[in-house]
PDB file of N, CA and C in Angstrom:
ATOM      1  N   GLU A   1     110.599   9.648 107.222  1.00  0.00           N
ATOM      2  CA  GLU A   1     110.877  10.642 107.944  1.00  0.00           C
ATOM      3  C   GLU A   1     112.445  11.154 108.213  1.00  0.00           C
ATOM      4  N   THR A   2     112.127  11.854 108.509  1.00  0.00           N
ATOM      5  CA  THR A   2     113.951  12.735 108.399  1.00  0.00           C
ATOM      6  C   THR A   2     113.636  12.988 110.423  1.00  0.00           C
ATOM      7  N   VAL A   3     114.836  12.794 111.174  1.00  0.00           N
ATOM      8  CA  VAL A   3     114.330  13.514 112.796  1.00  0.00           C
ATOM      9  C   VAL A   3     116.376  13.816 113.176  1.00  0.00           C
ATOM     10  N   LEU A   4     115.325  15.083 113.705  1.00  0.00           N
ATOM     11  CA  LEU A   4     116.813  15.711 114.524  1.00  0.00           C
ATOM     12  C   LEU A   4     116.247  15.140 116.211  1.00  0.00           C
ATOM     13  N   ASP A   5     117.447  15.259 116.626  1.00  0.00           N
ATOM     14  CA  ASP A   5     117.036  13.999 118.194  1.00  0.00           C
ATOM     15  C   ASP A   5     117.966  15.414 118.808  1.00  0.00           C
ATOM     16  N   TYR A   6     118.157  16.583 118.998  1.00  0.00           N
ATOM     17  CA  TYR A   6     118.640  17.407 119.135  1.00  0.00           C
ATOM     18  C   TYR A   6     119.149  17.564 121.587  1.00  0.00           C
ATOM     19  N   GLY A   7     120.056  17.544 122.452  1.00  0.00           N
ATOM     20  CA  GLY A   7     120.544  17.133 123.361  1.00  0.00           C
ATOM     21  C   GLY A   7     119.928  15.213 123.245  1.00  0.00           C
ATOM     22  N   THR A   8     121.496  15.083 122.395  1.00  0.00           N
ATOM     23  CA  THR A   8     120.542  13.622 122.234  1.00  0.00           C
ATOM     24  C   THR A   8     120.703  12.446 123.325  1.00  0.00           C
ATOM     25  N   GLY A   9     122.173  12.796 124.259  1.00  0.00           N
ATOM     26  CA  GLY A   9     122.269  12.124 125.256  1.00  0.00           C
ATOM     27  C   GLY A   9     123.044  10.841 124.393  1.00  0.00           C
ATOM     28  N   SER A  10     122.289   9.773 125.609  1.00  0.00           N
ATOM     29  CA  SER A  10     122.288   8.184 125.182  1.00  0.00           C
ATOM     30  C   SER A  10     121.612   8.477 123.934  1.00  0.00           C
ATOM     31  N   GLY A  11     120.966   9.139 123.360  1.00  0.00           N
ATOM     32  CA  GLY A  11     120.670   8.020 122.570  1.00  0.00           C
ATOM     33  C   GLY A  11     119.204   8.126 122.357  1.00  0.00           C
ATOM     34  N   VAL A  12     118.826   7.708 122.679  1.00  0.00           N
ATOM     35  CA  VAL A  12     117.683   6.554 123.235  1.00  0.00           C
ATOM     36  C   VAL A  12     116.443   6.593 122.259  1.00  0.00           C
ATOM     37  N   LEU A  13     116.115   8.525 121.782  1.00  0.00           N
ATOM     38  CA  LEU A  13     114.985   9.248 121.203  1.00  0.00           C
ATOM     39  C   LEU A  13     114.997   9.230 119.105  1.00  0.00           C
ATOM     40  N   GLY A  14     116.741   8.491 119.907  1.00  0.00           N
ATOM     41  CA  GLY A  14     117.236   9.133 118.305  1.00  0.00           C
ATOM     42  C   GLY A  14     117.390   6.837 117.594  1.00  0.00           C
ATOM     43  N   MET A  15     117.666   6.839 118.291  1.00  0.00           N
ATOM     44  CA  MET A  15     117.038   5.126 118.091  1.00  0.00           C
ATOM     45  C   MET A  15     115.819   4.912 118.299  1.00  0.00           C
ATOM     46  N   ALA A  16     114.797   4.864 118.625  1.00  0.00           N
ATOM     47  CA  ALA A  16     113.449   4.623 118.905  1.00  0.00           C
ATOM     48  C   ALA A  16     113.180   5.373 117.724  1.00  0.00           C
ATOM     49  N   ALA A  17     113.565   6.605 116.980  1.00  0.00           N
ATOM     50  CA  ALA A  17     112.730   7.426 116.381  1.00  0.00           C
ATOM     51  C   ALA A  17     113.760   6.195 115.019  1.00  0.00           C
ATOM     52  N   HIS A  18     114.391   5.640 115.051  1.00  0.00           N
ATOM     53  CA  HIS A  18     114.668   4.388 113.792  1.00  0.00           C
ATOM     54  C   HIS A  18     114.294   3.640 113.827  1.00  0.00           C
ATOM     55  N   VAL A  19     113.504   2.542 114.988  1.00  0.00           N
ATOM     56  CA  VAL A  19     112.861   1.832 115.123  1.00  0.00           C
ATOM     57  C   VAL A  19     112.110   1.911 114.884  1.00  0.00           C
ATOM     58  N   LEU A  20     111.632   2.810 115.120  1.00  0.00           N
ATOM     59  CA  LEU A  20     109.945   3.112 114.311  1.00  0.00           C
ATOM     60  C   LEU A  20     109.911   3.058 113.338  1.00  0.00           C
ATOM     61  N   GLY A  21     110.542   4.045 112.336  1.00  0.00           N
ATOM     62  CA  GLY A  21     111.448   3.718 110.245  1.00  0.00           C
ATOM     63  C   GLY A  21     111.670   4.590 110.465  1.00  0.00           C
ATOM     64  N   SER A  22     111.838   5.478 111.157  1.00  0.00           N
ATOM     65  CA  SER A  22     112.735   6.790 110.660  1.00  0.00           C
ATOM     66  C   SER A  22     113.426   6.942 109.671  1.00  0.00           C
ATOM     67  N   GLY A  23     113.817   7.460 108.351  1.00  0.00           N
ATOM     68  CA  GLY A  23     114.382   7.141 107.069  1.00  0.00           C
ATOM     69  C   GLY A  23     116.041   7.584 107.540  1.00  0.00           C
ATOM     70  N   ARG A  24     115.666   9.068 108.526  1.00  0.00           N
ATOM     71  CA  ARG A  24     117.146   9.821 108.393  1.00  0.00           C
ATOM     72  C   ARG A  24     117.649   9.169 110.229  1.00  0.00           C
ATOM     73  N   VAL A  25     118.205   9.587 110.539  1.00  0.00           N
ATOM     74  CA  VAL A  25     118.213  10.161 112.405  1.00  0.00           C
ATOM     75  C   VAL A  25     119.504  11.263 112.529  1.00  0.00           C
ATOM     76  N   LEU A  26     119.051  12.217 112.898  1.00  0.00           N
ATOM     77  CA  LEU A  26     120.838  12.970 113.776  1.00  0.00           C
ATOM     78  C   LEU A  26     120.620  13.857 114.835  1.00  0.00           C
ATOM     79  N   GLY A  27     121.144  12.848 115.249  1.00  0.00           N
ATOM     80  CA  GLY A  27     121.431  13.432 116.803  1.00  0.00           C
ATOM     81  C   GLY A  27     122.750  14.203 117.598  1.00  0.00           C
ATOM     82  N   ILE A  28     122.638  15.081 117.792  1.00  0.00           N
ATOM     83  CA  ILE A  28     123.476  16.144 118.022  1.00  0.00           C
ATOM     84  C   ILE A  28     123.875  16.496 119.787  1.00  0.00           C
ATOM     85  N   ASP A  29     124.635  16.571 120.203  1.00  0.00           N
ATOM     86  CA  ASP A  29     124.846  16.955 121.439  1.00  0.00           C
ATOM     87  C   ASP A  29     126.364  18.328 121.655  1.00  0.00           C
ATOM     88  N   ILE A  30     126.369  18.921 122.845  1.00  0.00           N
ATOM     89  CA  ILE A  30     127.137  19.755 123.233  1.00  0.00           C
ATOM     90  C   ILE A  30     127.885  18.938 124.225  1.00  0.00           C
ATOM     91  N   ASP A  31     127.646  17.666 124.224  1.00  0.00           N
ATOM     92  CA  ASP A  31     128.678  16.902 125.334  1.00  0.00           C
ATOM     93  C   ASP A  31     128.990  15.231 125.178  1.00  0.00           C
ATOM     94  N   ASP A  32     130.231  15.824 125.050  1.00  0.00           N
ATOM     95  CA  ASP A  32     131.221  14.542 124.092  1.00  0.00           C
ATOM     96  C   ASP A  32     131.496  13.542 124.778  1.00  0.00           C
ATOM     97  N   GLU A  33     130.857  12.924 126.120  1.00  0.00           N
ATOM     98  CA  GLU A  33     130.613  11.952 127.064  1.00  0.00           C
ATOM     99  C   GLU A  33     129.344  11.509 127.270  1.00  0.00           C
ATOM    100  N   ALA A  34     128.792  12.100 126.577  1.00  0.00           N
ATOM    101  CA  ALA A  34     127.150  11.749 126.173  1.00  0.00           C
ATOM    102  C   ALA A  34     126.685  10.969 124.759  1.00  0.00           C
ATOM    103  N   LEU A  35     128.094  11.811 123.560  1.00  0.00           N
ATOM    104  CA  LEU A  35     128.083  11.429 122.361  1.00  0.00           C
ATOM    105  C   LEU A  35     128.738  10.007 122.424  1.00  0.00           C
ATOM    106  N   ASP A  36     129.937   9.325 123.616  1.00  0.00           N
ATOM    107  CA  ASP A  36     130.769   8.358 123.246  1.00  0.00           C
ATOM    108  C   ASP A  36     129.321   7.254 123.831  1.00  0.00           C
ATOM    109  N   ALA A  37     128.740   7.633 124.909  1.00  0.00           N
ATOM    110  CA  ALA A  37     127.608   6.892 125.323  1.00  0.00           C
ATOM    111  C   ALA A  37     127.240   6.316 123.941  1.00  0.00           C
ATOM    112  N   ALA A  38     125.849   7.194 123.163  1.00  0.00           N
ATOM    113  CA  ALA A  38     124.744   7.509 123.124  1.00  0.00           C
ATOM    114  C   ALA A  38     126.316   5.817 121.879  1.00  0.00           C
ATOM    115  N   ALA A  39     127.696   6.580 120.700  1.00  0.00           N
ATOM    116  CA  ALA A  39     127.882   5.724 119.923  1.00  0.00           C
ATOM    117  C   ALA A  39     128.295   4.264 120.646  1.00  0.00           C
ATOM    118  N   GLU A  40     128.427   3.886 121.962  1.00  0.00           N
ATOM    119  CA  GLU A  40     128.190   3.099 122.502  1.00  0.00           C
ATOM    120  C   GLU A  40     126.636   2.362 122.621  1.00  0.00           C
ATOM    121  N   ASN A  41     125.795   2.723 122.903  1.00  0.00           N
ATOM    122  CA  ASN A  41     124.429   2.123 122.742  1.00  0.00           C
ATOM    123  C   ASN A  41     124.028   1.938 121.095  1.00  0.00           C
ATOM    124  N   LEU A  42     124.386   2.948 120.597  1.00  0.00           N
ATOM    125  CA  LEU A  42     124.314   2.376 118.586  1.00  0.00           C
ATOM    126  C   LEU A  42     124.432   0.592 118.902  1.00  0.00           C
ATOM    127  N   GLU A  43     126.740   1.301 119.394  1.00  0.00           N
ATOM    128  CA  GLU A  43     126.797  -0.245 118.450  1.00  0.00           C
ATOM    129  C   GLU A  43     126.237  -1.832 119.587  1.00  0.00           C
ATOM    130  N   LEU A  44     125.524  -0.951 121.418  1.00  0.00           N
ATOM    131  CA  LEU A  44     125.112  -2.732 121.656  1.00  0.00           C
ATOM    132  C   LEU A  44     123.669  -2.907 120.792  1.00  0.00           C
ATOM    133  N   ASN A  45     123.216  -1.867 120.116  1.00  0.00           N
ATOM    134  CA  ASN A  45     121.585  -1.990 119.094  1.00  0.00           C
ATOM    135  C   ASN A  45     121.814  -2.668 118.390  1.00  0.00           C
ATOM    136  N   GLU A  46     123.241  -2.688 117.445  1.00  0.00           N
ATOM    137  CA  GLU A  46     123.732  -3.071 116.299  1.00  0.00           C
ATOM    138  C   GLU A  46     122.787  -1.590 114.790  1.00  0.00           C
ATOM    139  N   ILE A  47     122.728  -0.489 115.652  1.00  0.00           N
ATOM    140  CA  ILE A  47     122.255   0.362 114.480  1.00  0.00           C
ATOM    141  C   ILE A  47     123.538   1.318 113.996  1.00  0.00           C
ATOM    142  N   SER A  48     123.817   1.241 112.522  1.00  0.00           N
ATOM    143  CA  SER A  48     125.109   2.067 112.031  1.00  0.00           C
ATOM    144  C   SER A  48     124.716   3.136 112.056  1.00  0.00           C
ATOM    145  N   ASP A  49     126.528   3.761 112.414  1.00  0.00           N
ATOM    146  CA  ASP A  49     126.507   5.586 111.855  1.00  0.00           C
ATOM    147  C   ASP A  49     125.592   6.253 110.749  1.00  0.00           C
ATOM    148  N   ASP A  50     125.214   5.360 109.562  1.00  0.00           N
ATOM    149  CA  ASP A  50     124.473   5.544 108.298  1.00  0.00           C
ATOM    150  C   ASP A  50     123.402   5.636 109.082  1.00  0.00           C
ATOM    151  N   GLU A  51     122.313   4.704 109.712  1.00  0.00           N
ATOM    152  CA  GLU A  51     121.497   4.883 110.722  1.00  0.00           C
ATOM    153  C   GLU A  51     121.209   6.475 110.847  1.00  0.00           C
ATOM    154  N   VAL A  52     122.075   6.420 112.294  1.00  0.00           N
ATOM    155  CA  VAL A  52     121.734   7.260 113.301  1.00  0.00           C
ATOM    156  C   VAL A  52     123.083   7.805 112.959  1.00  0.00           C
ATOM    157  N   THR A  53     123.051   9.072 112.412  1.00  0.00           N
ATOM    158  CA  THR A  53     124.418  10.133 112.329  1.00  0.00           C
ATOM    159  C   THR A  53     123.999  10.704 113.936  1.00  0.00           C
ATOM    160  N   LEU A  54     126.013  10.531 114.374  1.00  0.00           N
ATOM    161  CA  LEU A  54     125.807  11.287 115.436  1.00  0.00           C
ATOM    162  C   LEU A  54     127.115  12.852 115.101  1.00  0.00           C
ATOM    163  N   ARG A  55     126.554  13.618 116.140  1.00  0.00           N
ATOM    164  CA  ARG A  55     127.396  14.704 115.326  1.00  0.00           C
ATOM    165  C   ARG A  55     127.606  15.584 116.677  1.00  0.00           C
ATOM    166  N   HIS A  56     128.335  16.457 116.972  1.00  0.00           N
ATOM    167  CA  HIS A  56     128.479  17.663 118.440  1.00  0.00           C
ATOM    168  C   HIS A  56     128.623  18.549 117.708  1.00  0.00           C
ATOM    169  N   THR A  57     127.606  19.664 118.701  1.00  0.00           N
ATOM    170  CA  THR A  57     127.700  20.425 118.111  1.00  0.00           C
ATOM    171  C   THR A  57     128.527  21.999 117.806  1.00  0.00           C
ATOM    172  N   ARG A  58     129.290  21.292 118.043  1.00  0.00           N
ATOM    173  CA  ARG A  58     130.691  22.404 116.874  1.00  0.00           C
ATOM    174  C   ARG A  58     130.855  21.758 115.901  1.00  0.00           C
ATOM    175  N   GLU A  59     130.026  21.081 115.009  1.00  0.00           N
ATOM    176  CA  GLU A  59     129.841  20.344 113.728  1.00  0.00           C
ATOM    177  C   GLU A  59     129.080  20.437 113.162  1.00  0.00           C
ATOM    178  N   VAL A  60     127.592  21.453 113.439  1.00  0.00           N
ATOM    179  CA  VAL A  60     126.189  22.162 112.978  1.00  0.00           C
ATOM    180  C   VAL A  60     126.388  23.375 113.232  1.00  0.00           C
ATOM    181  N   VAL A  61     126.425  23.804 111.657  1.00  0.00           N
ATOM    182  CA  VAL A  61     125.579  24.819 112.076  1.00  0.00           C
ATOM    183  C   VAL A  61     124.225  25.644 111.826  1.00  0.00           C
ATOM    184  N   GLN A  62     123.239  26.159 112.422  1.00  0.00           N
ATOM    185  CA  GLN A  62     122.263  26.156 111.968  1.00  0.00           C
ATOM    186  C   GLN A  62     121.601  28.192 111.141  1.00  0.00           C
ATOM    187  N   ASP A  63     121.111  27.648 111.258  1.00  0.00           N
ATOM    188  CA  ASP A  63     120.399  29.136 110.515  1.00  0.00           C
ATOM    189  C   ASP A  63     119.271  29.283 109.885  1.00  0.00           C
ATOM    190  N   SER A  64     118.446  29.917 108.986  1.00  0.00           N
ATOM    191  CA  SER A  64     116.528  29.861 109.391  1.00  0.00           C
ATOM    192  C   SER A  64     116.987  28.827 107.965  1.00  0.00           C
ATOM    193  N   SER A  65     117.740  28.286 107.257  1.00  0.00           N
ATOM    194  CA  SER A  65     117.250  27.499 105.929  1.00  0.00           C
ATOM    195  C   SER A  65     117.461  26.282 106.644  1.00  0.00           C
ATOM    196  N   GLY A  66     118.014  25.788 107.591  1.00  0.00           N
ATOM    197  CA  GLY A  66     117.961  24.348 108.370  1.00  0.00           C
ATOM    198  C   GLY A  66     119.275  24.376 109.411  1.00  0.00           C
ATOM    199  N   VAL A  67     119.863  22.413 108.811  1.00  0.00           N
ATOM    200  CA  VAL A  67     120.668  22.250 109.929  1.00  0.00           C
ATOM    201  C   VAL A  67     121.796  21.555 109.001  1.00  0.00           C
ATOM    202  N   ILE A  68     123.141  22.422 108.322  1.00  0.00           N
ATOM    203  CA  ILE A  68     123.587  22.151 108.605  1.00  0.00           C
ATOM    204  C   ILE A  68     125.475  21.652 108.567  1.00  0.00           C
ATOM    205  N   LEU A  69     125.768  20.316 108.187  1.00  0.00           N
ATOM    206  CA  LEU A  69     126.717  20.090 108.792  1.00  0.00           C
ATOM    207  C   LEU A  69     127.751  20.376 108.122  1.00  0.00           C
ATOM    208  N   ARG A  70     129.379  20.108 109.560  1.00  0.00           N
ATOM    209  CA  ARG A  70     130.230  20.881 109.017  1.00  0.00           C
ATOM    210  C   ARG A  70     131.197  20.405 107.613  1.00  0.00           C
ATOM    211  N   ASP A  71     131.017  18.960 107.541  1.00  0.00           N
ATOM    212  CA  ASP A  71     131.455  17.983 106.972  1.00  0.00           C
ATOM    213  C   ASP A  71     131.038  17.732 105.673  1.00  0.00           C
ATOM    214  N   ASP A  72     130.052  18.210 105.993  1.00  0.00           N
ATOM    215  CA  ASP A  72     128.887  18.393 104.199  1.00  0.00           C
ATOM    216  C   ASP A  72     129.979  19.289 103.427  1.00  0.00           C
ATOM    217  N   ALA A  73     130.536  18.357 102.714  1.00  0.00           N
ATOM    218  CA  ALA A  73     131.133  19.080 101.305  1.00  0.00           C
ATOM    219  C   ALA A  73     129.805  19.514 100.336  1.00  0.00           C
ATOM    220  N   ALA A  74     128.913  19.528 100.283  1.00  0.00           N
ATOM    221  CA  ALA A  74     127.924  20.578  98.943  1.00  0.00           C
ATOM    222  C   ALA A  74     127.657  21.357 100.038  1.00  0.00           C
ATOM    223  N   GLY A  75     127.705  21.341 101.302  1.00  0.00           N
ATOM    224  CA  GLY A  75     126.915  22.538 102.248  1.00  0.00           C
ATOM    225  C   GLY A  75     125.341  23.048 102.583  1.00  0.00           C
ATOM    226  N   GLN A  76     125.340  21.275 102.533  1.00  0.00           N
ATOM    227  CA  GLN A  76     123.519  21.612 102.047  1.00  0.00           C
ATOM    228  C   GLN A  76     122.722  21.398 103.609  1.00  0.00           C
ATOM    229  N   SER A  77     121.683  22.178 103.437  1.00  0.00           N
ATOM    230  CA  SER A  77     120.993  22.787 104.450  1.00  0.00           C
ATOM    231  C   SER A  77     119.765  21.609 104.751  1.00  0.00           C
ATOM    232  N   THR A  78     119.346  21.041 105.856  1.00  0.00           N
ATOM    233  CA  THR A  78     118.293  20.113 106.456  1.00  0.00           C
ATOM    234  C   THR A  78     117.355  20.713 107.194  1.00  0.00           C
ATOM    235  N   GLN A  79     116.225  20.575 106.861  1.00  0.00           N
ATOM    236  CA  GLN A  79     114.468  20.355 106.730  1.00  0.00           C
ATOM    237  C   GLN A  79     113.657  19.442 107.965  1.00  0.00           C
ATOM    238  N   PHE A  80     114.122  19.011 108.793  1.00  0.00           N
ATOM    239  CA  PHE A  80     113.009  17.612 109.628  1.00  0.00           C
ATOM    240  C   PHE A  80     112.575  17.671 109.632  1.00  0.00           C
ATOM    241  N   ASP A  81     111.399  16.304 108.988  1.00  0.00           N
ATOM    242  CA  ASP A  81     109.481  16.035 109.404  1.00  0.00           C
ATOM    243  C   ASP A  81     109.926  16.414 110.594  1.00  0.00           C
ATOM    244  N   ILE A  82     110.478  15.653 111.540  1.00  0.00           N
ATOM    245  CA  ILE A  82     109.779  16.019 113.189  1.00  0.00           C
ATOM    246  C   ILE A  82     111.729  16.315 114.344  1.00  0.00           C
ATOM    247  N   VAL A  83     112.039  17.112 115.209  1.00  0.00           N
ATOM    248  CA  VAL A  83     112.649  17.750 115.724  1.00  0.00           C
ATOM    249  C   VAL A  83     112.542  17.003 117.505  1.00  0.00           C
ATOM    250  N   VAL A  84     113.382  16.259 117.223  1.00  0.00           N
ATOM    251  CA  VAL A  84     112.548  16.400 119.603  1.00  0.00           C
ATOM    252  C   VAL A  84     113.701  15.972 120.235  1.00  0.00           C
ATOM    253  N   ALA A  85     114.454  16.632 121.365  1.00  0.00           N
ATOM    254  CA  ALA A  85     114.622  17.672 122.127  1.00  0.00           C
ATOM    255  C   ALA A  85     114.752  16.871 123.234  1.00  0.00           C
ATOM    256  N   ASN A  86     115.378  15.737 124.278  1.00  0.00           N
ATOM    257  CA  ASN A  86     115.024  15.668 125.615  1.00  0.00           C
ATOM    258  C   ASN A  86     115.612  16.641 126.610  1.00  0.00           C
ATOM    259  N   ILE A  87     116.180  17.398 126.475  1.00  0.00           N
ATOM    260  CA  ILE A  87     116.562  19.035 127.144  1.00  0.00           C
ATOM    261  C   ILE A  87     116.191  19.089 128.501  1.00  0.00           C
ATOM    262  N   LEU A  88     116.499  20.027 129.414  1.00  0.00           N
ATOM    263  CA  LEU A  88     116.391  20.303 130.142  1.00  0.00           C
ATOM    264  C   LEU A  88     115.577  22.352 130.397  1.00  0.00           C
ATOM    265  N   VAL A  89     113.484  22.368 130.819  1.00  0.00           N
ATOM    266  CA  VAL A  89     113.068  23.705 130.355  1.00  0.00           C
ATOM    267  C   VAL A  89     113.713  24.694 129.989  1.00  0.00           C
ATOM    268  N   GLY A  90     114.784  24.879 130.982  1.00  0.00           N
ATOM    269  CA  GLY A  90     114.339  26.645 130.597  1.00  0.00           C
ATOM    270  C   GLY A  90     115.963  26.924 129.326  1.00  0.00           C
ATOM    271  N   PRO A  91     116.682  25.576 129.241  1.00  0.00           N
ATOM    272  CA  PRO A  91     117.461  26.252 127.766  1.00  0.00           C
ATOM    273  C   PRO A  91     116.700  25.381 126.053  1.00  0.00           C
ATOM    274  N   LEU A  92     116.093  24.367 126.651  1.00  0.00           N
ATOM    275  CA  LEU A  92     114.574  24.430 125.853  1.00  0.00           C
ATOM    276  C   LEU A  92     113.340  25.364 124.723  1.00  0.00           C
ATOM    277  N   MET A  93     113.332  26.504 126.077  1.00  0.00           N
ATOM    278  CA  MET A  93     112.782  27.699 125.897  1.00  0.00           C
ATOM    279  C   MET A  93     114.346  28.835 124.697  1.00  0.00           C
ATOM    280  N   LYS A  94     115.380  28.219 125.441  1.00  0.00           N
ATOM    281  CA  LYS A  94     116.425  29.403 124.819  1.00  0.00           C
ATOM    282  C   LYS A  94     115.868  29.333 123.451  1.00  0.00           C
ATOM    283  N   LEU A  95     116.097  27.779 123.267  1.00  0.00           N
ATOM    284  CA  LEU A  95     117.128  27.180 121.726  1.00  0.00           C
ATOM    285  C   LEU A  95     115.335  27.001 120.806  1.00  0.00           C
ATOM    286  N   ALA A  96     114.100  27.500 121.837  1.00  0.00           N
ATOM    287  CA  ALA A  96     113.193  27.162 121.016  1.00  0.00           C
ATOM    288  C   ALA A  96     112.636  27.490 119.368  1.00  0.00           C
ATOM    289  N   PRO A  97     113.300  28.930 119.243  1.00  0.00           N
ATOM    290  CA  PRO A  97     113.473  28.982 117.844  1.00  0.00           C
ATOM    291  C   PRO A  97     114.551  29.124 116.969  1.00  0.00           C
ATOM    292  N   VAL A  98     115.748  28.908 117.469  1.00  0.00           N
ATOM    293  CA  VAL A  98     116.756  27.988 116.037  1.00  0.00           C
ATOM    294  C   VAL A  98     116.427  26.182 116.541  1.00  0.00           C
ATOM    295  N   LEU A  99     115.047  25.882 117.408  1.00  0.00           N
ATOM    296  CA  LEU A  99     114.432  24.377 116.903  1.00  0.00           C
ATOM    297  C   LEU A  99     113.958  24.910 115.231  1.00  0.00           C
ATOM    298  N   SER A 100     112.584  25.432 115.764  1.00  0.00           N
ATOM    299  CA  SER A 100     111.498  25.636 114.632  1.00  0.00           C
ATOM    300  C   SER A 100     112.233  26.211 113.306  1.00  0.00           C
ATOM    301  N   MET A 101     113.789  26.136 113.661  1.00  0.00           N
ATOM    302  CA  MET A 101     113.636  26.248 111.587  1.00  0.00           C
ATOM    303  C   MET A 101     114.167  25.253 111.110  1.00  0.00           C
ATOM    304  N   ALA A 102     114.449  24.062 112.064  1.00  0.00           N
ATOM    305  CA  ALA A 102     115.136  22.599 111.503  1.00  0.00           C
ATOM    306  C   ALA A 102     113.932  22.060 111.562  1.00  0.00           C
ATOM    307  N   VAL A 103     113.006  22.475 111.528  1.00  0.00           N
ATOM    308  CA  VAL A 103     111.724  22.106 111.719  1.00  0.00           C
ATOM    309  C   VAL A 103     111.000  22.558 110.226  1.00  0.00           C
ATOM    310  N   LYS A 104     110.874  21.404 109.098  1.00  0.00           N
ATOM    311  CA  LYS A 104     109.820  21.337 107.655  1.00  0.00           C
ATOM    312  C   LYS A 104     108.603  21.971 107.605  1.00  0.00           C
ATOM    313  N   GLU A 105     108.708  23.564 106.864  1.00  0.00           N
ATOM    314  CA  GLU A 105     107.795  24.056 107.145  1.00  0.00           C
ATOM    315  C   GLU A 105     105.560  23.124 106.492  1.00  0.00           C
ATOM    316  N   GLU A 106     105.823  22.307 106.259  1.00  0.00           N
ATOM    317  CA  GLU A 106     104.586  21.398 106.247  1.00  0.00           C
ATOM    318  C   GLU A 106     105.003  20.063 107.064  1.00  0.00           C
ATOM    319  N   SER A 107     105.450  19.971 108.482  1.00  0.00           N
ATOM    320  CA  SER A 107     105.610  19.098 108.826  1.00  0.00           C
ATOM    321  C   SER A 107     105.007  19.361 110.351  1.00  0.00           C
TER     322      SER A 107
END
């Protein structure tokens, strides 16, 4: 399964998803310090960048076809089996339509 950890913060949800067997985890956040903390936590837990990928929101494009990483040469969009977001309810409510487009229809 693939997992999008939106607002990854410390990276704990993405790490948990990986440990529980997710095939690909993408953690994104708007906060550089949060991404630094998440990267440090991944290193401390011996989880590689290939297992849990971290990106700043400015490196991600979201549209009706899913999530596209700006550095993906093929420009392929990805939809995820699972989307988690441990963020405040106000921003979560505003982001719900966008996040729902990141979820595979059959998930």
